[in-house]
Amino acid sequence: MFEWYARAELRPHVHAVHPLADAAAALEIVMERGALGKVIL
């Protein structure tokens, strides 16, 4: 899977990227089912 990712054959959709300090806001997106893809810290 990581080989596919490195070759851009696998491109997961990223909904949001948050700094670790905003972990509560990121968790709220996930808990309220607002994420349309990965939420990354």
Full PDB file with SEQRES, HELIX, SHEET, SSBOND, CRYST1, ORIGX, SCALE, CONECT and MASTER records, all heavy atoms in Angstrom:
SEQRES   1 A   41  MET PHE GLU TRP TYR ALA ARG ALA GLU LEU ARG PRO HIS          
SEQRES   2 A   41  VAL HIS ALA VAL HIS PRO LEU ALA ASP ALA ALA ALA ALA          
SEQRES   3 A   41  LEU GLU ILE VAL MET GLU ARG GLY ALA LEU GLY LYS VAL          
SEQRES   4 A   41  ILE LEU                                                      
HELIX    1 AA1 PHE A    2  ALA A    6  1                                   5    
HELIX    2 AA2 LEU A   20  ASP A   22  5                                   3    
HELIX    3 AA3 ALA A   23  MET A   31  1                                   9    
SHEET    1 AA1 2 VAL A  14  VAL A  17  0                                        
SHEET    2 AA1 2 LYS A  38  ILE A  40  1                                        
CRYST1    1.000    1.000    1.000  90.00  90.00  90.00 P 1           1          
ORIGX1      1.000000  0.000000  0.000000        0.00000                         
ORIGX2      0.000000  1.000000  0.000000        0.00000                         
ORIGX3      0.000000  0.000000  1.000000        0.00000                         
SCALE1      1.000000  0.000000  0.000000        0.00000                         
SCALE2      0.000000  1.000000  0.000000        0.00000                         
SCALE3      0.000000  0.000000  1.000000        0.00000                         
ATOM      1  N   MET A   1       0.829  -1.199   0.000  1.00  0.00           N  
ATOM      2  CA  MET A   1       0.000   0.000   0.000  1.00  0.00           C  
ATOM      3  C   MET A   1       0.872   1.261   0.000  1.00  0.00           C  
ATOM      4  O   MET A   1       0.603   2.208  -0.743  1.00  0.00           O  
ATOM      5  CB  MET A   1      -0.934   0.010   1.210  1.00  0.00           C  
ATOM      6  CG  MET A   1      -1.874   1.185   1.223  1.00  0.00           C  
ATOM      7  SD  MET A   1      -2.976   1.179   2.632  1.00  0.00           S  
ATOM      8  CE  MET A   1      -1.814   1.478   3.967  1.00  0.00           C  
ATOM      9  N   PHE A   2       1.936   1.276   0.801  1.00  0.00           N  
ATOM     10  CA  PHE A   2       2.808   2.448   0.828  1.00  0.00           C  
ATOM     11  C   PHE A   2       3.588   2.602  -0.483  1.00  0.00           C  
ATOM     12  O   PHE A   2       3.886   3.722  -0.886  1.00  0.00           O  
ATOM     13  CB  PHE A   2       3.741   2.411   2.038  1.00  0.00           C  
ATOM     14  CG  PHE A   2       3.033   2.793   3.309  1.00  0.00           C  
ATOM     15  CD1 PHE A   2       2.879   1.880   4.333  1.00  0.00           C  
ATOM     16  CD2 PHE A   2       2.495   4.060   3.469  1.00  0.00           C  
ATOM     17  CE1 PHE A   2       2.204   2.227   5.496  1.00  0.00           C  
ATOM     18  CE2 PHE A   2       1.819   4.423   4.622  1.00  0.00           C  
ATOM     19  CZ  PHE A   2       1.674   3.498   5.644  1.00  0.00           C  
ATOM     20  N   GLU A   3       3.886   1.492  -1.167  1.00  0.00           N  
ATOM     21  CA  GLU A   3       4.497   1.594  -2.499  1.00  0.00           C  
ATOM     22  C   GLU A   3       3.518   2.266  -3.464  1.00  0.00           C  
ATOM     23  O   GLU A   3       3.924   3.126  -4.249  1.00  0.00           O  
ATOM     24  CB  GLU A   3       4.857   0.200  -3.025  1.00  0.00           C  
ATOM     25  CG  GLU A   3       6.036  -0.442  -2.333  1.00  0.00           C  
ATOM     26  CD  GLU A   3       6.203  -1.914  -2.724  1.00  0.00           C  
ATOM     27  OE1 GLU A   3       5.518  -2.382  -3.677  1.00  0.00           O  
ATOM     28  OE2 GLU A   3       7.017  -2.589  -2.076  1.00  0.00           O  
ATOM     29  N   TRP A   4       2.264   1.860  -3.437  1.00  0.00           N  
ATOM     30  CA  TRP A   4       1.252   2.480  -4.298  1.00  0.00           C  
ATOM     31  C   TRP A   4       1.147   3.971  -3.995  1.00  0.00           C  
ATOM     32  O   TRP A   4       1.041   4.788  -4.896  1.00  0.00           O  
ATOM     33  CB  TRP A   4      -0.108   1.830  -4.103  1.00  0.00           C  
ATOM     34  CG  TRP A   4      -0.224   0.422  -4.592  1.00  0.00           C  
ATOM     35  CD1 TRP A   4       0.579  -0.227  -5.490  1.00  0.00           C  
ATOM     36  CD2 TRP A   4      -1.212  -0.511  -4.189  1.00  0.00           C  
ATOM     37  NE1 TRP A   4       0.146  -1.515  -5.673  1.00  0.00           N  
ATOM     38  CE2 TRP A   4      -0.957  -1.715  -4.894  1.00  0.00           C  
ATOM     39  CE3 TRP A   4      -2.285  -0.471  -3.315  1.00  0.00           C  
ATOM     40  CZ2 TRP A   4      -1.749  -2.850  -4.741  1.00  0.00           C  
ATOM     41  CZ3 TRP A   4      -3.069  -1.600  -3.165  1.00  0.00           C  
ATOM     42  CH2 TRP A   4      -2.801  -2.768  -3.873  1.00  0.00           C  
ATOM     43  N   TYR A   5       1.172   4.308  -2.701  1.00  0.00           N  
ATOM     44  CA  TYR A   5       1.082   5.717  -2.307  1.00  0.00           C  
ATOM     45  C   TYR A   5       2.298   6.494  -2.826  1.00  0.00           C  
ATOM     46  O   TYR A   5       2.153   7.586  -3.378  1.00  0.00           O  
ATOM     47  CB  TYR A   5       0.963   5.833  -0.791  1.00  0.00           C  
ATOM     48  CG  TYR A   5       0.853   7.259  -0.321  1.00  0.00           C  
ATOM     49  CD1 TYR A   5      -0.343   7.948  -0.433  1.00  0.00           C  
ATOM     50  CD2 TYR A   5       1.949   7.914   0.217  1.00  0.00           C  
ATOM     51  CE1 TYR A   5      -0.449   9.267  -0.015  1.00  0.00           C  
ATOM     52  CE2 TYR A   5       1.859   9.230   0.638  1.00  0.00           C  
ATOM     53  CZ  TYR A   5       0.652   9.897   0.525  1.00  0.00           C  
ATOM     54  OH  TYR A   5       0.556  11.200   0.931  1.00  0.00           O  
ATOM     55  N   ALA A   6       3.475   5.918  -2.685  1.00  0.00           N  
ATOM     56  CA  ALA A   6       4.705   6.586  -3.139  1.00  0.00           C  
ATOM     57  C   ALA A   6       4.690   6.828  -4.644  1.00  0.00           C  
ATOM     58  O   ALA A   6       5.231   7.824  -5.115  1.00  0.00           O  
ATOM     59  CB  ALA A   6       5.932   5.762  -2.740  1.00  0.00           C  
ATOM     60  N   ARG A   7       4.045   5.925  -5.395  1.00  0.00           N  
ATOM     61  CA  ARG A   7       3.948   6.081  -6.855  1.00  0.00           C  
ATOM     62  C   ARG A   7       2.692   6.860  -7.275  1.00  0.00           C  
ATOM     63  O   ARG A   7       2.388   6.940  -8.459  1.00  0.00           O  
ATOM     64  CB  ARG A   7       3.928   4.703  -7.526  1.00  0.00           C  
ATOM     65  CG  ARG A   7       5.234   3.936  -7.385  1.00  0.00           C  
ATOM     66  CD  ARG A   7       5.276   2.709  -8.280  1.00  0.00           C  
ATOM     67  NE  ARG A   7       4.146   1.816  -8.142  1.00  0.00           N  
ATOM     68  CZ  ARG A   7       4.153   0.627  -7.522  1.00  0.00           C  
ATOM     69  NH1 ARG A   7       5.272   0.200  -6.971  1.00  0.00           N  
ATOM     70  NH2 ARG A   7       3.082  -0.112  -7.467  1.00  0.00           N  
ATOM     71  N   ALA A   8       1.981   7.412  -6.301  1.00  0.00           N  
ATOM     72  CA  ALA A   8       0.744   8.174  -6.533  1.00  0.00           C  
ATOM     73  C   ALA A   8      -0.343   7.330  -7.200  1.00  0.00           C  
ATOM     74  O   ALA A   8      -1.209   7.845  -7.882  1.00  0.00           O  
ATOM     75  CB  ALA A   8       1.010   9.448  -7.319  1.00  0.00           C  
ATOM     76  N   GLU A   9      -0.293   6.018  -6.979  1.00  0.00           N  
ATOM     77  CA  GLU A   9      -1.338   5.127  -7.479  1.00  0.00           C  
ATOM     78  C   GLU A   9      -2.481   5.020  -6.473  1.00  0.00           C  
ATOM     79  O   GLU A   9      -3.550   4.526  -6.797  1.00  0.00           O  
ATOM     80  CB  GLU A   9      -0.763   3.745  -7.768  1.00  0.00           C  
ATOM     81  CG  GLU A   9       0.236   3.747  -8.910  1.00  0.00           C  
ATOM     82  CD  GLU A   9       0.942   2.424  -9.087  1.00  0.00           C  
ATOM     83  OE1 GLU A   9       0.664   1.478  -8.327  1.00  0.00           O  
ATOM     84  OE2 GLU A   9       1.780   2.330  -9.999  1.00  0.00           O  
ATOM     85  N   LEU A  10      -2.230   5.457  -5.275  1.00  0.00           N  
ATOM     86  CA  LEU A  10      -3.228   5.482  -4.210  1.00  0.00           C  
ATOM     87  C   LEU A  10      -3.199   6.883  -3.629  1.00  0.00           C  
ATOM     88  O   LEU A  10      -2.168   7.343  -3.153  1.00  0.00           O  
ATOM     89  CB  LEU A  10      -2.867   4.448  -3.127  1.00  0.00           C  
ATOM     90  CG  LEU A  10      -3.773   4.356  -1.917  1.00  0.00           C  
ATOM     91  CD1 LEU A  10      -5.158   3.883  -2.340  1.00  0.00           C  
ATOM     92  CD2 LEU A  10      -3.188   3.398  -0.899  1.00  0.00           C  
ATOM     93  N   ARG A  11      -4.326   7.570  -3.726  1.00  0.00           N  
ATOM     94  CA  ARG A  11      -4.382   8.964  -3.288  1.00  0.00           C  
ATOM     95  C   ARG A  11      -5.583   9.170  -2.375  1.00  0.00           C  
ATOM     96  O   ARG A  11      -6.667   9.508  -2.849  1.00  0.00           O  
ATOM     97  CB  ARG A  11      -4.443   9.873  -4.505  1.00  0.00           C  
ATOM     98  CG  ARG A  11      -3.191   9.730  -5.376  1.00  0.00           C  
ATOM     99  CD  ARG A  11      -3.255  10.486  -6.642  1.00  0.00           C  
ATOM    100  NE  ARG A  11      -3.516  11.890  -6.374  1.00  0.00           N  
ATOM    101  CZ  ARG A  11      -3.723  12.790  -7.305  1.00  0.00           C  
ATOM    102  NH1 ARG A  11      -3.709  12.432  -8.561  1.00  0.00           N  
ATOM    103  NH2 ARG A  11      -3.964  14.031  -6.996  1.00  0.00           N  
ATOM    104  N   PRO A  12      -5.409   8.948  -1.075  1.00  0.00           N  
ATOM    105  CA  PRO A  12      -6.539   9.111  -0.162  1.00  0.00           C  
ATOM    106  C   PRO A  12      -7.010  10.566  -0.126  1.00  0.00           C  
ATOM    107  O   PRO A  12      -6.198  11.498  -0.220  1.00  0.00           O  
ATOM    108  CB  PRO A  12      -5.986   8.672   1.194  1.00  0.00           C  
ATOM    109  CG  PRO A  12      -4.510   8.749   1.057  1.00  0.00           C  
ATOM    110  CD  PRO A  12      -4.184   8.582  -0.395  1.00  0.00           C  
ATOM    111  N   HIS A  13      -8.306  10.743  -0.016  1.00  0.00           N  
ATOM    112  CA  HIS A  13      -8.867  12.094   0.062  1.00  0.00           C  
ATOM    113  C   HIS A  13      -8.655  12.638   1.470  1.00  0.00           C  
ATOM    114  O   HIS A  13      -8.997  11.989   2.455  1.00  0.00           O  
ATOM    115  CB  HIS A  13     -10.349  12.087  -0.273  1.00  0.00           C  
ATOM    116  CG  HIS A  13     -10.972  13.435  -0.128  1.00  0.00           C  
ATOM    117  ND1 HIS A  13     -10.735  14.448  -1.030  1.00  0.00           N  
ATOM    118  CD2 HIS A  13     -11.782  13.942   0.823  1.00  0.00           C  
ATOM    119  CE1 HIS A  13     -11.390  15.530  -0.635  1.00  0.00           C  
ATOM    120  NE2 HIS A  13     -12.031  15.246   0.468  1.00  0.00           N  
ATOM    121  N   VAL A  14      -8.097  13.826   1.557  1.00  0.00           N  
ATOM    122  CA  VAL A  14      -7.874  14.481   2.849  1.00  0.00           C  
ATOM    123  C   VAL A  14      -8.916  15.573   3.018  1.00  0.00           C  
ATOM    124  O   VAL A  14      -8.986  16.508   2.220  1.00  0.00           O  
ATOM    125  CB  VAL A  14      -6.444  15.072   2.931  1.00  0.00           C  
ATOM    126  CG1 VAL A  14      -6.261  15.837   4.238  1.00  0.00           C  
ATOM    127  CG2 VAL A  14      -5.410  13.960   2.800  1.00  0.00           C  
ATOM    128  N   HIS A  15      -9.738  15.429   4.039  1.00  0.00           N  
ATOM    129  CA  HIS A  15     -10.770  16.420   4.331  1.00  0.00           C  
ATOM    130  C   HIS A  15     -10.156  17.652   4.985  1.00  0.00           C  
ATOM    131  O   HIS A  15     -10.489  18.779   4.630  1.00  0.00           O  
ATOM    132  CB  HIS A  15     -11.826  15.808   5.260  1.00  0.00           C  
ATOM    133  CG  HIS A  15     -12.890  16.773   5.674  1.00  0.00           C  
ATOM    134  ND1 HIS A  15     -13.979  17.054   4.878  1.00  0.00           N  
ATOM    135  CD2 HIS A  15     -13.031  17.535   6.782  1.00  0.00           C  
ATOM    136  CE1 HIS A  15     -14.750  17.943   5.492  1.00  0.00           C  
ATOM    137  NE2 HIS A  15     -14.188  18.253   6.647  1.00  0.00           N  
ATOM    138  N   ALA A  16      -9.278  17.428   5.971  1.00  0.00           N  
ATOM    139  CA  ALA A  16      -8.702  18.556   6.713  1.00  0.00           C  
ATOM    140  C   ALA A  16      -7.382  18.147   7.351  1.00  0.00           C  
ATOM    141  O   ALA A  16      -7.184  16.984   7.686  1.00  0.00           O  
ATOM    142  CB  ALA A  16      -9.669  19.019   7.799  1.00  0.00           C  
ATOM    143  N   VAL A  17      -6.510  19.133   7.496  1.00  0.00           N  
ATOM    144  CA  VAL A  17      -5.246  18.954   8.211  1.00  0.00           C  
ATOM    145  C   VAL A  17      -5.220  19.993   9.324  1.00  0.00           C  
ATOM    146  O   VAL A  17      -5.419  21.180   9.066  1.00  0.00           O  
ATOM    147  CB  VAL A  17      -4.029  19.148   7.275  1.00  0.00           C  
ATOM    148  CG1 VAL A  17      -2.724  19.021   8.052  1.00  0.00           C  
ATOM    149  CG2 VAL A  17      -4.076  18.154   6.122  1.00  0.00           C  
ATOM    150  N   HIS A  18      -5.007  19.531  10.558  1.00  0.00           N  
ATOM    151  CA  HIS A  18      -4.990  20.422  11.723  1.00  0.00           C  
ATOM    152  C   HIS A  18      -3.685  20.263  12.478  1.00  0.00           C  
ATOM    153  O   HIS A  18      -3.172  19.155  12.599  1.00  0.00           O  
ATOM    154  CB  HIS A  18      -6.133  20.061  12.686  1.00  0.00           C  
ATOM    155  CG  HIS A  18      -7.488  20.369  12.166  1.00  0.00           C  
ATOM    156  ND1 HIS A  18      -8.097  21.577  12.356  1.00  0.00           N  
ATOM    157  CD2 HIS A  18      -8.366  19.616  11.465  1.00  0.00           C  
ATOM    158  CE1 HIS A  18      -9.296  21.560  11.800  1.00  0.00           C  
ATOM    159  NE2 HIS A  18      -9.476  20.382  11.248  1.00  0.00           N  
ATOM    160  N   PRO A  19      -3.180  21.353  13.032  1.00  0.00           N  
ATOM    161  CA  PRO A  19      -2.042  21.208  13.948  1.00  0.00           C  
ATOM    162  C   PRO A  19      -2.499  20.451  15.199  1.00  0.00           C  
ATOM    163  O   PRO A  19      -3.673  20.491  15.563  1.00  0.00           O  
ATOM    164  CB  PRO A  19      -1.648  22.647  14.277  1.00  0.00           C  
ATOM    165  CG  PRO A  19      -2.756  23.507  13.816  1.00  0.00           C  
ATOM    166  CD  PRO A  19      -3.591  22.728  12.856  1.00  0.00           C  
ATOM    167  N   LEU A  20      -1.582  19.768  15.819  1.00  0.00           N  
ATOM    168  CA  LEU A  20      -1.900  18.979  17.006  1.00  0.00           C  
ATOM    169  C   LEU A  20      -2.597  19.818  18.073  1.00  0.00           C  
ATOM    170  O   LEU A  20      -3.488  19.330  18.769  1.00  0.00           O  
ATOM    171  CB  LEU A  20      -0.625  18.342  17.566  1.00  0.00           C  
ATOM    172  CG  LEU A  20      -0.796  17.358  18.715  1.00  0.00           C  
ATOM    173  CD1 LEU A  20      -1.742  16.225  18.328  1.00  0.00           C  
ATOM    174  CD2 LEU A  20       0.560  16.809  19.138  1.00  0.00           C  
ATOM    175  N   ALA A  21      -2.253  21.085  18.157  1.00  0.00           N  
ATOM    176  CA  ALA A  21      -2.881  21.970  19.149  1.00  0.00           C  
ATOM    177  C   ALA A  21      -4.389  22.107  18.913  1.00  0.00           C  
ATOM    178  O   ALA A  21      -5.132  22.444  19.835  1.00  0.00           O  
ATOM    179  CB  ALA A  21      -2.217  23.349  19.113  1.00  0.00           C  
ATOM    180  N   ASP A  22      -4.860  21.849  17.693  1.00  0.00           N  
ATOM    181  CA  ASP A  22      -6.288  21.932  17.362  1.00  0.00           C  
ATOM    182  C   ASP A  22      -6.940  20.550  17.313  1.00  0.00           C  
ATOM    183  O   ASP A  22      -7.935  20.347  16.608  1.00  0.00           O  
ATOM    184  CB  ASP A  22      -6.485  22.623  16.010  1.00  0.00           C  
ATOM    185  CG  ASP A  22      -6.102  24.090  16.049  1.00  0.00           C  
ATOM    186  OD1 ASP A  22      -6.064  24.673  17.149  1.00  0.00           O  
ATOM    187  OD2 ASP A  22      -5.843  24.654  14.968  1.00  0.00           O  
ATOM    188  N   ALA A  23      -6.403  19.604  18.069  1.00  0.00           N  
ATOM    189  CA  ALA A  23      -6.925  18.242  18.048  1.00  0.00           C  
ATOM    190  C   ALA A  23      -8.407  18.194  18.419  1.00  0.00           C  
ATOM    191  O   ALA A  23      -9.165  17.396  17.852  1.00  0.00           O  
ATOM    192  CB  ALA A  23      -6.117  17.346  18.987  1.00  0.00           C  
ATOM    193  N   ALA A  24      -8.844  19.032  19.332  1.00  0.00           N  
ATOM    194  CA  ALA A  24     -10.259  19.030  19.728  1.00  0.00           C  
ATOM    195  C   ALA A  24     -11.158  19.390  18.552  1.00  0.00           C  
ATOM    196  O   ALA A  24     -12.208  18.769  18.342  1.00  0.00           O  
ATOM    197  CB  ALA A  24     -10.481  19.986  20.894  1.00  0.00           C  
ATOM    198  N   ALA A  25     -10.751  20.363  17.751  1.00  0.00           N  
ATOM    199  CA  ALA A  25     -11.551  20.756  16.577  1.00  0.00           C  
ATOM    200  C   ALA A  25     -11.579  19.629  15.548  1.00  0.00           C  
ATOM    201  O   ALA A  25     -12.625  19.351  14.948  1.00  0.00           O  
ATOM    202  CB  ALA A  25     -10.980  22.029  15.954  1.00  0.00           C  
ATOM    203  N   ALA A  26     -10.444  18.967  15.358  1.00  0.00           N  
ATOM    204  CA  ALA A  26     -10.390  17.849  14.418  1.00  0.00           C  
ATOM    205  C   ALA A  26     -11.281  16.704  14.889  1.00  0.00           C  
ATOM    206  O   ALA A  26     -12.033  16.117  14.104  1.00  0.00           O  
ATOM    207  CB  ALA A  26      -8.948  17.371  14.265  1.00  0.00           C  
ATOM    208  N   LEU A  27     -11.228  16.401  16.166  1.00  0.00           N  
ATOM    209  CA  LEU A  27     -12.063  15.326  16.715  1.00  0.00           C  
ATOM    210  C   LEU A  27     -13.547  15.654  16.591  1.00  0.00           C  
ATOM    211  O   LEU A  27     -14.369  14.780  16.292  1.00  0.00           O  
ATOM    212  CB  LEU A  27     -11.704  15.065  18.178  1.00  0.00           C  
ATOM    213  CG  LEU A  27     -12.450  13.929  18.856  1.00  0.00           C  
ATOM    214  CD1 LEU A  27     -12.228  12.620  18.115  1.00  0.00           C  
ATOM    215  CD2 LEU A  27     -12.016  13.806  20.307  1.00  0.00           C  
ATOM    216  N   GLU A  28     -13.895  16.907  16.753  1.00  0.00           N  
ATOM    217  CA  GLU A  28     -15.292  17.312  16.614  1.00  0.00           C  
ATOM    218  C   GLU A  28     -15.803  17.048  15.194  1.00  0.00           C  
ATOM    219  O   GLU A  28     -16.925  16.572  15.006  1.00  0.00           O  
ATOM    220  CB  GLU A  28     -15.459  18.791  16.963  1.00  0.00           C  
ATOM    221  CG  GLU A  28     -16.905  19.236  16.957  1.00  0.00           C  
ATOM    222  CD  GLU A  28     -17.067  20.668  17.436  1.00  0.00           C  
ATOM    223  OE1 GLU A  28     -16.121  21.245  18.007  1.00  0.00           O  
ATOM    224  OE2 GLU A  28     -18.160  21.214  17.225  1.00  0.00           O  
ATOM    225  N   ILE A  29     -14.975  17.318  14.189  1.00  0.00           N  
ATOM    226  CA  ILE A  29     -15.357  17.038  12.798  1.00  0.00           C  
ATOM    227  C   ILE A  29     -15.672  15.552  12.636  1.00  0.00           C  
ATOM    228  O   ILE A  29     -16.683  15.172  12.043  1.00  0.00           O  
ATOM    229  CB  ILE A  29     -14.239  17.456  11.822  1.00  0.00           C  
ATOM    230  CG1 ILE A  29     -14.088  18.963  11.800  1.00  0.00           C  
ATOM    231  CG2 ILE A  29     -14.509  16.920  10.418  1.00  0.00           C  
ATOM    232  CD1 ILE A  29     -12.844  19.443  11.070  1.00  0.00           C  
ATOM    233  N   VAL A  30     -14.801  14.719  13.179  1.00  0.00           N  
ATOM    234  CA  VAL A  30     -14.984  13.271  13.059  1.00  0.00           C  
ATOM    235  C   VAL A  30     -16.213  12.811  13.840  1.00  0.00           C  
ATOM    236  O   VAL A  30     -17.050  12.066  13.316  1.00  0.00           O  
ATOM    237  CB  VAL A  30     -13.720  12.526  13.540  1.00  0.00           C  
ATOM    238  CG1 VAL A  30     -13.953  11.024  13.576  1.00  0.00           C  
ATOM    239  CG2 VAL A  30     -12.534  12.865  12.640  1.00  0.00           C  
ATOM    240  N   MET A  31     -16.354  13.255  15.057  1.00  0.00           N  
ATOM    241  CA  MET A  31     -17.449  12.792  15.919  1.00  0.00           C  
ATOM    242  C   MET A  31     -18.812  13.239  15.400  1.00  0.00           C  
ATOM    243  O   MET A  31     -19.810  12.552  15.599  1.00  0.00           O  
ATOM    244  CB  MET A  31     -17.246  13.259  17.361  1.00  0.00           C  
ATOM    245  CG  MET A  31     -16.005  12.669  18.011  1.00  0.00           C  
ATOM    246  SD  MET A  31     -15.968  10.861  18.003  1.00  0.00           S  
ATOM    247  CE  MET A  31     -17.325  10.498  19.103  1.00  0.00           C  
ATOM    248  N   GLU A  32     -18.856  14.374  14.718  1.00  0.00           N  
ATOM    249  CA  GLU A  32     -20.126  14.854  14.175  1.00  0.00           C  
ATOM    250  C   GLU A  32     -20.350  14.374  12.747  1.00  0.00           C  
ATOM    251  O   GLU A  32     -21.238  14.860  12.053  1.00  0.00           O  
ATOM    252  CB  GLU A  32     -20.187  16.380  14.265  1.00  0.00           C  
ATOM    253  CG  GLU A  32     -20.259  16.849  15.705  1.00  0.00           C  
ATOM    254  CD  GLU A  32     -20.502  18.334  15.839  1.00  0.00           C  
ATOM    255  OE1 GLU A  32     -20.724  19.006  14.800  1.00  0.00           O  
ATOM    256  OE2 GLU A  32     -20.466  18.822  16.973  1.00  0.00           O  
ATOM    257  N   ARG A  33     -19.526  13.427  12.314  1.00  0.00           N  
ATOM    258  CA  ARG A  33     -19.645  12.818  10.984  1.00  0.00           C  
ATOM    259  C   ARG A  33     -19.562  13.851   9.859  1.00  0.00           C  
ATOM    260  O   ARG A  33     -20.243  13.746   8.849  1.00  0.00           O  
ATOM    261  CB  ARG A  33     -20.915  11.990  10.882  1.00  0.00           C  
ATOM    262  CG  ARG A  33     -20.991  10.882  11.894  1.00  0.00           C  
ATOM    263  CD  ARG A  33     -22.222  10.029  11.666  1.00  0.00           C  
ATOM    264  NE  ARG A  33     -22.373   9.028  12.699  1.00  0.00           N  
ATOM    265  CZ  ARG A  33     -21.777   7.857  12.731  1.00  0.00           C  
ATOM    266  NH1 ARG A  33     -20.943   7.522  11.784  1.00  0.00           N  
ATOM    267  NH2 ARG A  33     -22.005   7.004  13.709  1.00  0.00           N  
ATOM    268  N   GLY A  34     -18.694  14.834  10.063  1.00  0.00           N  
ATOM    269  CA  GLY A  34     -18.539  15.885   9.063  1.00  0.00           C  
ATOM    270  C   GLY A  34     -17.384  15.646   8.108  1.00  0.00           C  
ATOM    271  O   GLY A  34     -17.214  16.363   7.132  1.00  0.00           O  
ATOM    272  N   ALA A  35     -16.570  14.629   8.383  1.00  0.00           N  
ATOM    273  CA  ALA A  35     -15.390  14.377   7.558  1.00  0.00           C  
ATOM    274  C   ALA A  35     -15.772  13.653   6.273  1.00  0.00           C  
ATOM    275  O   ALA A  35     -16.468  12.649   6.300  1.00  0.00           O  
ATOM    276  CB  ALA A  35     -14.374  13.550   8.342  1.00  0.00           C  
ATOM    277  N   LEU A  36     -15.307  14.183   5.163  1.00  0.00           N  
ATOM    278  CA  LEU A  36     -15.476  13.530   3.866  1.00  0.00           C  
ATOM    279  C   LEU A  36     -14.097  13.107   3.375  1.00  0.00           C  
ATOM    280  O   LEU A  36     -13.634  13.526   2.329  1.00  0.00           O  
ATOM    281  CB  LEU A  36     -16.145  14.485   2.867  1.00  0.00           C  
ATOM    282  CG  LEU A  36     -17.513  15.002   3.269  1.00  0.00           C  
ATOM    283  CD1 LEU A  36     -18.009  16.040   2.285  1.00  0.00           C  
ATOM    284  CD2 LEU A  36     -18.500  13.850   3.384  1.00  0.00           C  
ATOM    285  N   GLY A  37     -13.446  12.312   4.156  1.00  0.00           N  
ATOM    286  CA  GLY A  37     -12.084  11.878   3.885  1.00  0.00           C  
ATOM    287  C   GLY A  37     -11.319  11.862   5.201  1.00  0.00           C  
ATOM    288  O   GLY A  37     -11.904  11.896   6.281  1.00  0.00           O  
ATOM    289  N   LYS A  38     -10.020  11.826   5.112  1.00  0.00           N  
ATOM    290  CA  LYS A  38      -9.169  11.740   6.293  1.00  0.00           C  
ATOM    291  C   LYS A  38      -9.053  13.097   6.986  1.00  0.00           C  
ATOM    292  O   LYS A  38      -8.960  14.131   6.333  1.00  0.00           O  
ATOM    293  CB  LYS A  38      -7.764  11.253   5.918  1.00  0.00           C  
ATOM    294  CG  LYS A  38      -7.750   9.893   5.265  1.00  0.00           C  
ATOM    295  CD  LYS A  38      -8.258   8.835   6.206  1.00  0.00           C  
ATOM    296  CE  LYS A  38      -8.222   7.467   5.572  1.00  0.00           C  
ATOM    297  NZ  LYS A  38      -8.865   6.471   6.404  1.00  0.00           N  
ATOM    298  N   VAL A  39      -9.042  13.060   8.305  1.00  0.00           N  
ATOM    299  CA  VAL A  39      -8.743  14.241   9.117  1.00  0.00           C  
ATOM    300  C   VAL A  39      -7.397  13.946   9.764  1.00  0.00           C  
ATOM    301  O   VAL A  39      -7.251  12.967  10.494  1.00  0.00           O  
ATOM    302  CB  VAL A  39      -9.834  14.498  10.184  1.00  0.00           C  
ATOM    303  CG1 VAL A  39      -9.438  15.667  11.071  1.00  0.00           C  
ATOM    304  CG2 VAL A  39     -11.176  14.756   9.510  1.00  0.00           C  
ATOM    305  N   ILE A  40      -6.425  14.794   9.474  1.00  0.00           N  
ATOM    306  CA  ILE A  40      -5.042  14.528   9.852  1.00  0.00           C  
ATOM    307  C   ILE A  40      -4.565  15.542  10.882  1.00  0.00           C  
ATOM    308  O   ILE A  40      -4.827  16.740  10.740  1.00  0.00           O  
ATOM    309  CB  ILE A  40      -4.135  14.582   8.605  1.00  0.00           C  
ATOM    310  CG1 ILE A  40      -4.583  13.505   7.607  1.00  0.00           C  
ATOM    311  CG2 ILE A  40      -2.670  14.414   8.977  1.00  0.00           C  
ATOM    312  CD1 ILE A  40      -3.897  13.595   6.276  1.00  0.00           C  
ATOM    313  N   LEU A  41      -3.852  15.048  11.886  1.00  0.00           N  
ATOM    314  CA  LEU A  41      -3.184  15.908  12.864  1.00  0.00           C  
ATOM    315  C   LEU A  41      -1.699  15.919  12.558  1.00  0.00           C  
ATOM    316  O   LEU A  41      -1.108  14.868  12.310  1.00  0.00           O  
ATOM    317  CB  LEU A  41      -3.402  15.379  14.285  1.00  0.00           C  
ATOM    318  CG  LEU A  41      -4.819  15.425  14.822  1.00  0.00           C  
ATOM    319  CD1 LEU A  41      -4.893  14.749  16.175  1.00  0.00           C  
ATOM    320  CD2 LEU A  41      -5.329  16.849  14.899  1.00  0.00           C  
TER     321      LEU A  41                                                      
MASTER        0    0    0    3    2    0    0    6  320    1    0    4          
END                                                                             
